[in-house]
PDB file of N, CA and C in Angstrom:
ATOM      1  N   MET A   1      13.097-202.461 -31.094  1.00  0.00           N
ATOM      2  CA  MET A   1      12.277-202.288 -30.018  1.00  0.00           C
ATOM      3  C   MET A   1      11.941-200.663 -29.475  1.00  0.00           C
ATOM      4  N   SER A   2      11.024-200.573 -29.103  1.00  0.00           N
ATOM      5  CA  SER A   2      10.736-199.072 -28.441  1.00  0.00           C
ATOM      6  C   SER A   2      10.059-199.148 -27.155  1.00  0.00           C
ATOM      7  N   LEU A   3      10.374-198.092 -26.166  1.00  0.00           N
ATOM      8  CA  LEU A   3       9.867-198.076 -25.231  1.00  0.00           C
ATOM      9  C   LEU A   3       9.533-196.826 -24.624  1.00  0.00           C
ATOM     10  N   SER A   4       8.811-196.610 -23.186  1.00  0.00           N
ATOM     11  CA  SER A   4       8.294-195.446 -23.229  1.00  0.00           C
ATOM     12  C   SER A   4       9.232-195.334 -21.293  1.00  0.00           C
ATOM     13  N   LEU A   5       9.828-194.625 -21.242  1.00  0.00           N
ATOM     14  CA  LEU A   5       9.936-194.062 -19.695  1.00  0.00           C
ATOM     15  C   LEU A   5       9.200-193.352 -19.352  1.00  0.00           C
ATOM     16  N   HIS A   6       8.558-193.773 -17.918  1.00  0.00           N
ATOM     17  CA  HIS A   6       7.407-192.351 -17.724  1.00  0.00           C
ATOM     18  C   HIS A   6       8.086-191.637 -16.440  1.00  0.00           C
ATOM     19  N   THR A   7       8.186-190.406 -16.625  1.00  0.00           N
ATOM     20  CA  THR A   7       8.613-189.719 -15.861  1.00  0.00           C
ATOM     21  C   THR A   7       7.530-188.502 -15.323  1.00  0.00           C
ATOM     22  N   ASN A   8       7.836-187.602 -14.030  1.00  0.00           N
ATOM     23  CA  ASN A   8       6.835-186.639 -13.063  1.00  0.00           C
ATOM     24  C   ASN A   8       6.623-185.732 -14.399  1.00  0.00           C
ATOM     25  N   TYR A   9       7.267-185.584 -15.642  1.00  0.00           N
ATOM     26  CA  TYR A   9       7.307-184.631 -16.766  1.00  0.00           C
ATOM     27  C   TYR A   9       6.660-185.072 -18.215  1.00  0.00           C
ATOM     28  N   GLY A  10       6.354-186.389 -17.999  1.00  0.00           N
ATOM     29  CA  GLY A  10       6.004-186.882 -19.140  1.00  0.00           C
ATOM     30  C   GLY A  10       6.782-188.122 -19.678  1.00  0.00           C
ATOM     31  N   ASP A  11       6.104-188.211 -20.386  1.00  0.00           N
ATOM     32  CA  ASP A  11       7.119-189.601 -21.169  1.00  0.00           C
ATOM     33  C   ASP A  11       8.407-189.534 -22.271  1.00  0.00           C
ATOM     34  N   ILE A  12       8.909-190.328 -22.108  1.00  0.00           N
ATOM     35  CA  ILE A  12      10.032-190.304 -23.019  1.00  0.00           C
ATOM     36  C   ILE A  12       9.972-191.567 -23.926  1.00  0.00           C
ATOM     37  N   LYS A  13       9.820-191.257 -25.069  1.00  0.00           N
ATOM     38  CA  LYS A  13      10.284-192.442 -25.735  1.00  0.00           C
ATOM     39  C   LYS A  13      11.106-192.661 -26.487  1.00  0.00           C
ATOM     40  N   MET A  14      11.826-193.978 -26.265  1.00  0.00           N
ATOM     41  CA  MET A  14      13.001-194.796 -26.610  1.00  0.00           C
ATOM     42  C   MET A  14      12.892-195.683 -27.443  1.00  0.00           C
ATOM     43  N   GLU A  15      14.007-196.184 -28.081  1.00  0.00           N
ATOM     44  CA  GLU A  15      14.453-196.862 -29.340  1.00  0.00           C
ATOM     45  C   GLU A  15      15.767-198.039 -28.844  1.00  0.00           C
ATOM     46  N   LEU A  16      15.365-198.995 -28.390  1.00  0.00           N
ATOM     47  CA  LEU A  16      16.729-199.831 -27.971  1.00  0.00           C
ATOM     48  C   LEU A  16      16.947-201.211 -29.263  1.00  0.00           C
ATOM     49  N   PHE A  17      17.941-201.068 -29.221  1.00  0.00           N
ATOM     50  CA  PHE A  17      19.019-201.779 -30.435  1.00  0.00           C
ATOM     51  C   PHE A  17      19.372-202.972 -30.275  1.00  0.00           C
ATOM     52  N   CYS A  18      18.259-204.034 -30.120  1.00  0.00           N
ATOM     53  CA  CYS A  18      18.749-205.547 -29.325  1.00  0.00           C
ATOM     54  C   CYS A  18      19.309-206.523 -29.769  1.00  0.00           C
ATOM     55  N   TYR A  19      19.377-205.848 -31.285  1.00  0.00           N
ATOM     56  CA  TYR A  19      20.598-207.084 -32.265  1.00  0.00           C
ATOM     57  C   TYR A  19      21.607-206.346 -32.321  1.00  0.00           C
ATOM     58  N   GLU A  20      21.951-205.298 -32.471  1.00  0.00           N
ATOM     59  CA  GLU A  20      23.393-204.155 -32.329  1.00  0.00           C
ATOM     60  C   GLU A  20      23.762-205.071 -31.167  1.00  0.00           C
ATOM     61  N   VAL A  21      23.436-204.843 -29.797  1.00  0.00           N
ATOM     62  CA  VAL A  21      23.876-204.427 -28.453  1.00  0.00           C
ATOM     63  C   VAL A  21      23.191-205.487 -27.834  1.00  0.00           C
ATOM     64  N   PRO A  22      23.017-206.808 -27.809  1.00  0.00           N
ATOM     65  CA  PRO A  22      22.072-207.462 -27.209  1.00  0.00           C
ATOM     66  C   PRO A  22      22.267-207.430 -25.875  1.00  0.00           C
ATOM     67  N   LYS A  23      23.592-207.771 -25.231  1.00  0.00           N
ATOM     68  CA  LYS A  23      23.738-207.588 -23.503  1.00  0.00           C
ATOM     69  C   LYS A  23      23.147-206.106 -23.192  1.00  0.00           C
ATOM     70  N   THR A  24      23.548-205.170 -23.968  1.00  0.00           N
ATOM     71  CA  THR A  24      22.986-204.203 -23.549  1.00  0.00           C
ATOM     72  C   THR A  24      21.721-204.144 -22.986  1.00  0.00           C
ATOM     73  N   CYS A  25      20.842-204.333 -23.730  1.00  0.00           N
ATOM     74  CA  CYS A  25      19.765-204.431 -24.093  1.00  0.00           C
ATOM     75  C   CYS A  25      19.134-205.318 -22.741  1.00  0.00           C
ATOM     76  N   LYS A  26      19.824-206.385 -23.138  1.00  0.00           N
ATOM     77  CA  LYS A  26      19.207-207.303 -22.181  1.00  0.00           C
ATOM     78  C   LYS A  26      19.359-206.898 -20.535  1.00  0.00           C
ATOM     79  N   ASN A  27      20.304-206.405 -20.398  1.00  0.00           N
ATOM     80  CA  ASN A  27      20.839-205.921 -19.000  1.00  0.00           C
ATOM     81  C   ASN A  27      19.159-204.470 -18.411  1.00  0.00           C
ATOM     82  N   PHE A  28      19.078-203.452 -19.864  1.00  0.00           N
ATOM     83  CA  PHE A  28      18.455-202.760 -19.314  1.00  0.00           C
ATOM     84  C   PHE A  28      17.033-203.422 -19.382  1.00  0.00           C
ATOM     85  N   LEU A  29      16.680-203.901 -19.975  1.00  0.00           N
ATOM     86  CA  LEU A  29      15.322-204.441 -19.719  1.00  0.00           C
ATOM     87  C   LEU A  29      14.871-205.185 -18.917  1.00  0.00           C
ATOM     88  N   ALA A  30      16.038-206.075 -18.538  1.00  0.00           N
ATOM     89  CA  ALA A  30      15.881-206.768 -17.025  1.00  0.00           C
ATOM     90  C   ALA A  30      15.892-206.200 -15.886  1.00  0.00           C
ATOM     91  N   LEU A  31      16.737-204.518 -15.733  1.00  0.00           N
ATOM     92  CA  LEU A  31      16.457-203.480 -14.750  1.00  0.00           C
ATOM     93  C   LEU A  31      15.336-203.264 -14.621  1.00  0.00           C
ATOM     94  N   CYS A  32      14.874-202.641 -15.821  1.00  0.00           N
ATOM     95  CA  CYS A  32      13.240-202.134 -15.748  1.00  0.00           C
ATOM     96  C   CYS A  32      12.417-202.850 -15.154  1.00  0.00           C
ATOM     97  N   ALA A  33      12.447-204.395 -15.413  1.00  0.00           N
ATOM     98  CA  ALA A  33      11.108-204.971 -15.130  1.00  0.00           C
ATOM     99  C   ALA A  33      11.473-205.615 -13.443  1.00  0.00           C
ATOM    100  N   SER A  34      12.331-205.734 -13.028  1.00  0.00           N
ATOM    101  CA  SER A  34      12.284-205.821 -11.564  1.00  0.00           C
ATOM    102  C   SER A  34      12.285-204.842 -11.047  1.00  0.00           C
ATOM    103  N   GLY A  35      12.473-203.377 -11.547  1.00  0.00           N
ATOM    104  CA  GLY A  35      12.143-202.238 -10.626  1.00  0.00           C
ATOM    105  C   GLY A  35      13.263-201.556 -10.213  1.00  0.00           C
ATOM    106  N   TYR A  36      14.388-201.792 -10.619  1.00  0.00           N
ATOM    107  CA  TYR A  36      15.442-201.210 -10.131  1.00  0.00           C
ATOM    108  C   TYR A  36      15.328-199.773 -10.353  1.00  0.00           C
ATOM    109  N   TYR A  37      14.763-199.107 -11.429  1.00  0.00           N
ATOM    110  CA  TYR A  37      15.303-197.625 -11.619  1.00  0.00           C
ATOM    111  C   TYR A  37      13.726-197.017 -11.158  1.00  0.00           C
ATOM    112  N   ASP A  38      12.989-197.420 -10.268  1.00  0.00           N
ATOM    113  CA  ASP A  38      11.663-196.950 -10.312  1.00  0.00           C
ATOM    114  C   ASP A  38      12.117-195.767  -8.934  1.00  0.00           C
ATOM    115  N   ASN A  39      11.607-194.899  -9.217  1.00  0.00           N
ATOM    116  CA  ASN A  39      12.330-193.657  -8.386  1.00  0.00           C
ATOM    117  C   ASN A  39      13.369-193.164  -8.503  1.00  0.00           C
ATOM    118  N   THR A  40      14.067-193.346  -9.596  1.00  0.00           N
ATOM    119  CA  THR A  40      15.261-192.853  -9.568  1.00  0.00           C
ATOM    120  C   THR A  40      15.530-191.378 -10.358  1.00  0.00           C
ATOM    121  N   LYS A  41      16.609-191.353 -10.038  1.00  0.00           N
ATOM    122  CA  LYS A  41      16.987-189.711 -10.660  1.00  0.00           C
ATOM    123  C   LYS A  41      17.861-189.442 -11.667  1.00  0.00           C
ATOM    124  N   PHE A  42      17.928-188.285 -12.549  1.00  0.00           N
ATOM    125  CA  PHE A  42      18.341-188.056 -13.746  1.00  0.00           C
ATOM    126  C   PHE A  42      19.511-187.227 -13.024  1.00  0.00           C
ATOM    127  N   HIS A  43      20.985-187.503 -13.187  1.00  0.00           N
ATOM    128  CA  HIS A  43      22.123-186.931 -12.544  1.00  0.00           C
ATOM    129  C   HIS A  43      22.474-185.838 -13.169  1.00  0.00           C
ATOM    130  N   ARG A  44      22.406-186.657 -14.750  1.00  0.00           N
ATOM    131  CA  ARG A  44      23.356-185.239 -15.818  1.00  0.00           C
ATOM    132  C   ARG A  44      22.318-184.993 -16.880  1.00  0.00           C
ATOM    133  N   ASN A  45      22.602-184.028 -17.179  1.00  0.00           N
ATOM    134  CA  ASN A  45      21.711-183.558 -18.152  1.00  0.00           C
ATOM    135  C   ASN A  45      22.657-182.876 -19.110  1.00  0.00           C
ATOM    136  N   ILE A  46      22.790-183.301 -20.592  1.00  0.00           N
ATOM    137  CA  ILE A  46      23.850-182.503 -21.630  1.00  0.00           C
ATOM    138  C   ILE A  46      23.013-182.280 -22.487  1.00  0.00           C
ATOM    139  N   LYS A  47      22.125-180.935 -22.231  1.00  0.00           N
ATOM    140  CA  LYS A  47      21.201-180.046 -23.339  1.00  0.00           C
ATOM    141  C   LYS A  47      21.233-180.553 -24.927  1.00  0.00           C
ATOM    142  N   GLY A  48      20.787-181.294 -25.462  1.00  0.00           N
ATOM    143  CA  GLY A  48      20.725-181.885 -26.422  1.00  0.00           C
ATOM    144  C   GLY A  48      21.280-182.919 -26.913  1.00  0.00           C
ATOM    145  N   PHE A  49      21.973-183.575 -26.110  1.00  0.00           N
ATOM    146  CA  PHE A  49      23.077-184.516 -26.450  1.00  0.00           C
ATOM    147  C   PHE A  49      22.174-185.843 -25.427  1.00  0.00           C
ATOM    148  N   ALA A  50      22.031-186.209 -24.293  1.00  0.00           N
ATOM    149  CA  ALA A  50      22.156-187.120 -23.696  1.00  0.00           C
ATOM    150  C   ALA A  50      21.527-186.421 -21.709  1.00  0.00           C
ATOM    151  N   ILE A  51      21.059-187.317 -21.395  1.00  0.00           N
ATOM    152  CA  ILE A  51      20.573-187.431 -19.975  1.00  0.00           C
ATOM    153  C   ILE A  51      20.993-188.895 -19.507  1.00  0.00           C
ATOM    154  N   GLN A  52      21.990-188.932 -18.051  1.00  0.00           N
ATOM    155  CA  GLN A  52      21.934-189.937 -17.396  1.00  0.00           C
ATOM    156  C   GLN A  52      21.468-190.368 -16.276  1.00  0.00           C
ATOM    157  N   GLY A  53      21.171-191.443 -15.349  1.00  0.00           N
ATOM    158  CA  GLY A  53      20.374-191.874 -14.481  1.00  0.00           C
ATOM    159  C   GLY A  53      20.130-192.935 -14.251  1.00  0.00           C
ATOM    160  N   GLY A  54      19.696-193.687 -13.209  1.00  0.00           N
ATOM    161  CA  GLY A  54      19.150-194.566 -13.166  1.00  0.00           C
ATOM    162  C   GLY A  54      20.075-195.279 -12.191  1.00  0.00           C
ATOM    163  N   ASP A  55      20.387-194.608 -11.496  1.00  0.00           N
ATOM    164  CA  ASP A  55      21.336-194.891 -10.355  1.00  0.00           C
ATOM    165  C   ASP A  55      20.842-195.086  -8.912  1.00  0.00           C
ATOM    166  N   PRO A  56      20.353-196.177  -8.396  1.00  0.00           N
ATOM    167  CA  PRO A  56      19.670-196.209  -7.164  1.00  0.00           C
ATOM    168  C   PRO A  56      20.369-195.300  -5.917  1.00  0.00           C
ATOM    169  N   THR A  57      21.985-195.019  -5.964  1.00  0.00           N
ATOM    170  CA  THR A  57      22.128-194.318  -4.789  1.00  0.00           C
ATOM    171  C   THR A  57      22.056-192.860  -4.977  1.00  0.00           C
ATOM    172  N   ASN A  58      21.468-192.545  -6.346  1.00  0.00           N
ATOM    173  CA  ASN A  58      21.145-191.082  -6.490  1.00  0.00           C
ATOM    174  C   ASN A  58      22.476-190.288  -6.591  1.00  0.00           C
ATOM    175  N   THR A  59      23.528-190.846  -6.823  1.00  0.00           N
ATOM    176  CA  THR A  59      25.031-190.125  -6.731  1.00  0.00           C
ATOM    177  C   THR A  59      25.799-189.964  -7.989  1.00  0.00           C
ATOM    178  N   GLY A  60      25.286-190.850  -9.128  1.00  0.00           N
ATOM    179  CA  GLY A  60      25.971-191.025 -10.399  1.00  0.00           C
ATOM    180  C   GLY A  60      26.783-191.926 -10.581  1.00  0.00           C
ATOM    181  N   LYS A  61      27.350-192.844  -8.840  1.00  0.00           N
ATOM    182  CA  LYS A  61      28.311-193.460  -8.806  1.00  0.00           C
ATOM    183  C   LYS A  61      27.958-194.966  -8.243  1.00  0.00           C
ATOM    184  N   GLY A  62      26.573-195.253  -8.378  1.00  0.00           N
ATOM    185  CA  GLY A  62      26.232-196.830  -7.440  1.00  0.00           C
ATOM    186  C   GLY A  62      25.687-197.591  -8.696  1.00  0.00           C
ATOM    187  N   GLY A  63      25.257-198.624  -8.544  1.00  0.00           N
ATOM    188  CA  GLY A  63      24.607-199.478  -9.329  1.00  0.00           C
ATOM    189  C   GLY A  63      25.179-200.531  -9.808  1.00  0.00           C
ATOM    190  N   GLU A  64      24.612-201.612 -10.072  1.00  0.00           N
ATOM    191  CA  GLU A  64      25.492-202.946 -10.894  1.00  0.00           C
ATOM    192  C   GLU A  64      24.555-203.364 -12.132  1.00  0.00           C
ATOM    193  N   SER A  65      25.127-204.064 -12.915  1.00  0.00           N
ATOM    194  CA  SER A  65      24.291-204.623 -13.907  1.00  0.00           C
ATOM    195  C   SER A  65      23.876-205.976 -13.528  1.00  0.00           C
ATOM    196  N   ILE A  66      22.900-206.767 -14.634  1.00  0.00           N
ATOM    197  CA  ILE A  66      22.601-208.506 -14.009  1.00  0.00           C
ATOM    198  C   ILE A  66      24.104-208.866 -14.103  1.00  0.00           C
ATOM    199  N   TYR A  67      24.953-208.609 -14.954  1.00  0.00           N
ATOM    200  CA  TYR A  67      26.383-209.657 -15.317  1.00  0.00           C
ATOM    201  C   TYR A  67      27.436-209.246 -13.749  1.00  0.00           C
ATOM    202  N   GLY A  68      26.756-208.341 -13.233  1.00  0.00           N
ATOM    203  CA  GLY A  68      27.776-208.087 -11.937  1.00  0.00           C
ATOM    204  C   GLY A  68      27.802-206.345 -12.078  1.00  0.00           C
ATOM    205  N   LYS A  69      29.251-205.941 -11.420  1.00  0.00           N
ATOM    206  CA  LYS A  69      29.733-204.682 -11.461  1.00  0.00           C
ATOM    207  C   LYS A  69      29.746-203.949 -12.768  1.00  0.00           C
ATOM    208  N   TYR A  70      30.380-204.467 -13.824  1.00  0.00           N
ATOM    209  CA  TYR A  70      30.796-204.099 -15.114  1.00  0.00           C
ATOM    210  C   TYR A  70      30.371-205.297 -16.053  1.00  0.00           C
ATOM    211  N   PHE A  71      30.151-204.701 -17.171  1.00  0.00           N
ATOM    212  CA  PHE A  71      30.338-205.522 -17.964  1.00  0.00           C
ATOM    213  C   PHE A  71      31.095-204.848 -19.780  1.00  0.00           C
ATOM    214  N   ASP A  72      31.543-205.466 -20.445  1.00  0.00           N
ATOM    215  CA  ASP A  72      32.197-205.096 -21.664  1.00  0.00           C
ATOM    216  C   ASP A  72      31.286-204.132 -22.463  1.00  0.00           C
ATOM    217  N   ASP A  73      31.712-202.778 -22.660  1.00  0.00           N
ATOM    218  CA  ASP A  73      31.055-202.169 -24.129  1.00  0.00           C
ATOM    219  C   ASP A  73      30.816-202.637 -25.065  1.00  0.00           C
ATOM    220  N   GLU A  74      29.342-202.347 -25.478  1.00  0.00           N
ATOM    221  CA  GLU A  74      29.633-203.314 -27.320  1.00  0.00           C
ATOM    222  C   GLU A  74      29.376-202.226 -28.034  1.00  0.00           C
ATOM    223  N   PHE A  75      29.980-201.833 -29.061  1.00  0.00           N
ATOM    224  CA  PHE A  75      29.757-201.389 -30.087  1.00  0.00           C
ATOM    225  C   PHE A  75      29.504-202.074 -31.489  1.00  0.00           C
ATOM    226  N   ASP A  76      28.739-200.977 -32.629  1.00  0.00           N
ATOM    227  CA  ASP A  76      28.147-201.528 -33.708  1.00  0.00           C
ATOM    228  C   ASP A  76      27.946-200.108 -34.731  1.00  0.00           C
ATOM    229  N   SER A  77      29.228-200.670 -35.587  1.00  0.00           N
ATOM    230  CA  SER A  77      29.708-199.074 -36.496  1.00  0.00           C
ATOM    231  C   SER A  77      27.968-198.572 -37.405  1.00  0.00           C
ATOM    232  N   THR A  78      26.939-199.288 -37.430  1.00  0.00           N
ATOM    233  CA  THR A  78      25.689-198.689 -37.794  1.00  0.00           C
ATOM    234  C   THR A  78      24.952-197.705 -37.139  1.00  0.00           C
ATOM    235  N   LEU A  79      25.347-197.986 -35.163  1.00  0.00           N
ATOM    236  CA  LEU A  79      24.786-196.970 -34.768  1.00  0.00           C
ATOM    237  C   LEU A  79      25.554-195.075 -34.840  1.00  0.00           C
ATOM    238  N   LYS A  80      24.748-194.754 -34.855  1.00  0.00           N
ATOM    239  CA  LYS A  80      25.625-193.236 -34.504  1.00  0.00           C
ATOM    240  C   LYS A  80      25.013-192.252 -33.337  1.00  0.00           C
ATOM    241  N   VAL A  81      25.607-191.386 -32.791  1.00  0.00           N
ATOM    242  CA  VAL A  81      24.980-190.969 -31.825  1.00  0.00           C
ATOM    243  C   VAL A  81      24.592-189.813 -32.475  1.00  0.00           C
TER     244      VAL A  81
END
Protein backbone atom coordinates (compact mmCIF):
# COMPACT_ATOMS: atom_id res chain seq x y z
CA MET A 1 0.00 0.00 0.00
CA SER A 2 1.32 3.43 -0.93
CA LEU A 3 0.57 6.71 0.78
CA SER A 4 1.83 10.26 0.92
CA LEU A 5 2.91 12.10 4.04
CA HIS A 6 2.23 15.81 3.60
CA THR A 7 4.84 18.10 5.20
CA ASN A 8 5.71 21.80 5.14
CA TYR A 9 8.62 20.86 2.86
CA GLY A 10 6.67 18.75 0.40
CA ASP A 11 5.21 15.29 0.23
CA ILE A 12 7.02 12.09 1.19
CA LYS A 13 5.92 8.95 -0.62
CA MET A 14 5.76 5.88 1.64
CA GLU A 15 5.21 2.20 1.03
CA LEU A 16 3.50 0.08 3.70
CA PHE A 17 3.82 -3.69 3.80
CA CYS A 18 0.45 -4.58 5.29
CA TYR A 19 0.63 -8.29 4.50
CA GLU A 20 4.08 -8.69 6.07
CA VAL A 21 3.53 -6.54 9.19
CA PRO A 22 -0.25 -6.23 9.62
CA LYS A 23 -0.44 -4.97 13.22
CA THR A 24 2.11 -2.25 12.55
CA CYS A 25 0.28 -1.08 9.43
CA LYS A 26 -3.13 -1.22 11.10
CA ASN A 27 -1.79 0.89 13.97
CA PHE A 28 -0.18 3.45 11.67
CA LEU A 29 -3.21 3.79 9.39
CA ALA A 30 -5.67 4.06 12.29
CA LEU A 31 -3.58 6.76 13.95
CA CYS A 32 -3.29 8.63 10.64
CA ALA A 33 -7.07 8.49 10.14
CA SER A 34 -7.69 9.82 13.65
CA GLY A 35 -5.45 12.88 13.11
CA TYR A 36 -2.99 11.62 15.73
CA TYR A 37 0.04 12.71 13.70
CA ASP A 38 -1.33 16.11 12.65
CA ASN A 39 1.18 18.90 13.38
CA THR A 40 3.74 16.57 14.94
CA LYS A 41 7.45 17.02 14.27
CA PHE A 42 10.30 14.79 13.18
CA HIS A 43 12.49 14.58 16.27
CA ARG A 44 15.28 12.49 14.74
CA ASN A 45 16.88 12.47 11.30
CA ILE A 46 19.58 9.99 10.34
CA LYS A 47 20.75 11.25 6.94
CA GLY A 48 20.32 8.69 4.18
CA PHE A 49 18.67 6.18 6.51
CA ALA A 50 15.61 7.15 8.53
CA ILE A 51 13.49 9.81 10.13
CA GLN A 52 11.53 9.42 13.34
CA GLY A 53 8.53 11.40 14.38
CA GLY A 54 4.86 11.29 15.20
CA ASP A 55 5.17 11.91 18.91
CA PRO A 56 2.36 14.23 20.00
CA THR A 57 4.46 15.40 22.98
CA ASN A 58 7.29 16.35 20.57
CA THR A 59 9.85 14.87 22.97
CA GLY A 60 10.56 11.57 21.19
CA LYS A 61 9.31 9.71 24.26
CA GLY A 62 5.51 9.93 24.24
CA GLY A 63 2.61 8.46 22.37
CA GLU A 64 0.61 5.26 22.33
CA SER A 65 -0.48 2.72 19.78
CA ILE A 66 -4.07 1.64 19.19
CA TYR A 67 -3.14 -1.45 21.21
CA GLY A 68 -1.97 0.51 24.26
CA LYS A 69 1.51 1.73 25.13
CA TYR A 70 3.41 -1.07 23.36
CA PHE A 71 2.83 -4.03 21.09
CA ASP A 72 5.17 -6.78 19.92
CA ASP A 73 7.57 -6.00 17.09
CA GLU A 74 6.77 -7.65 13.78
CA PHE A 75 9.58 -9.03 11.66
CA ASP A 76 9.49 -10.45 8.15
CA SER A 77 12.63 -11.84 6.54
CA THR A 78 11.49 -10.69 3.08
CA LEU A 79 11.76 -7.04 4.14
CA LYS A 80 15.17 -5.40 4.13
CA VAL A 81 16.36 -2.05 5.40
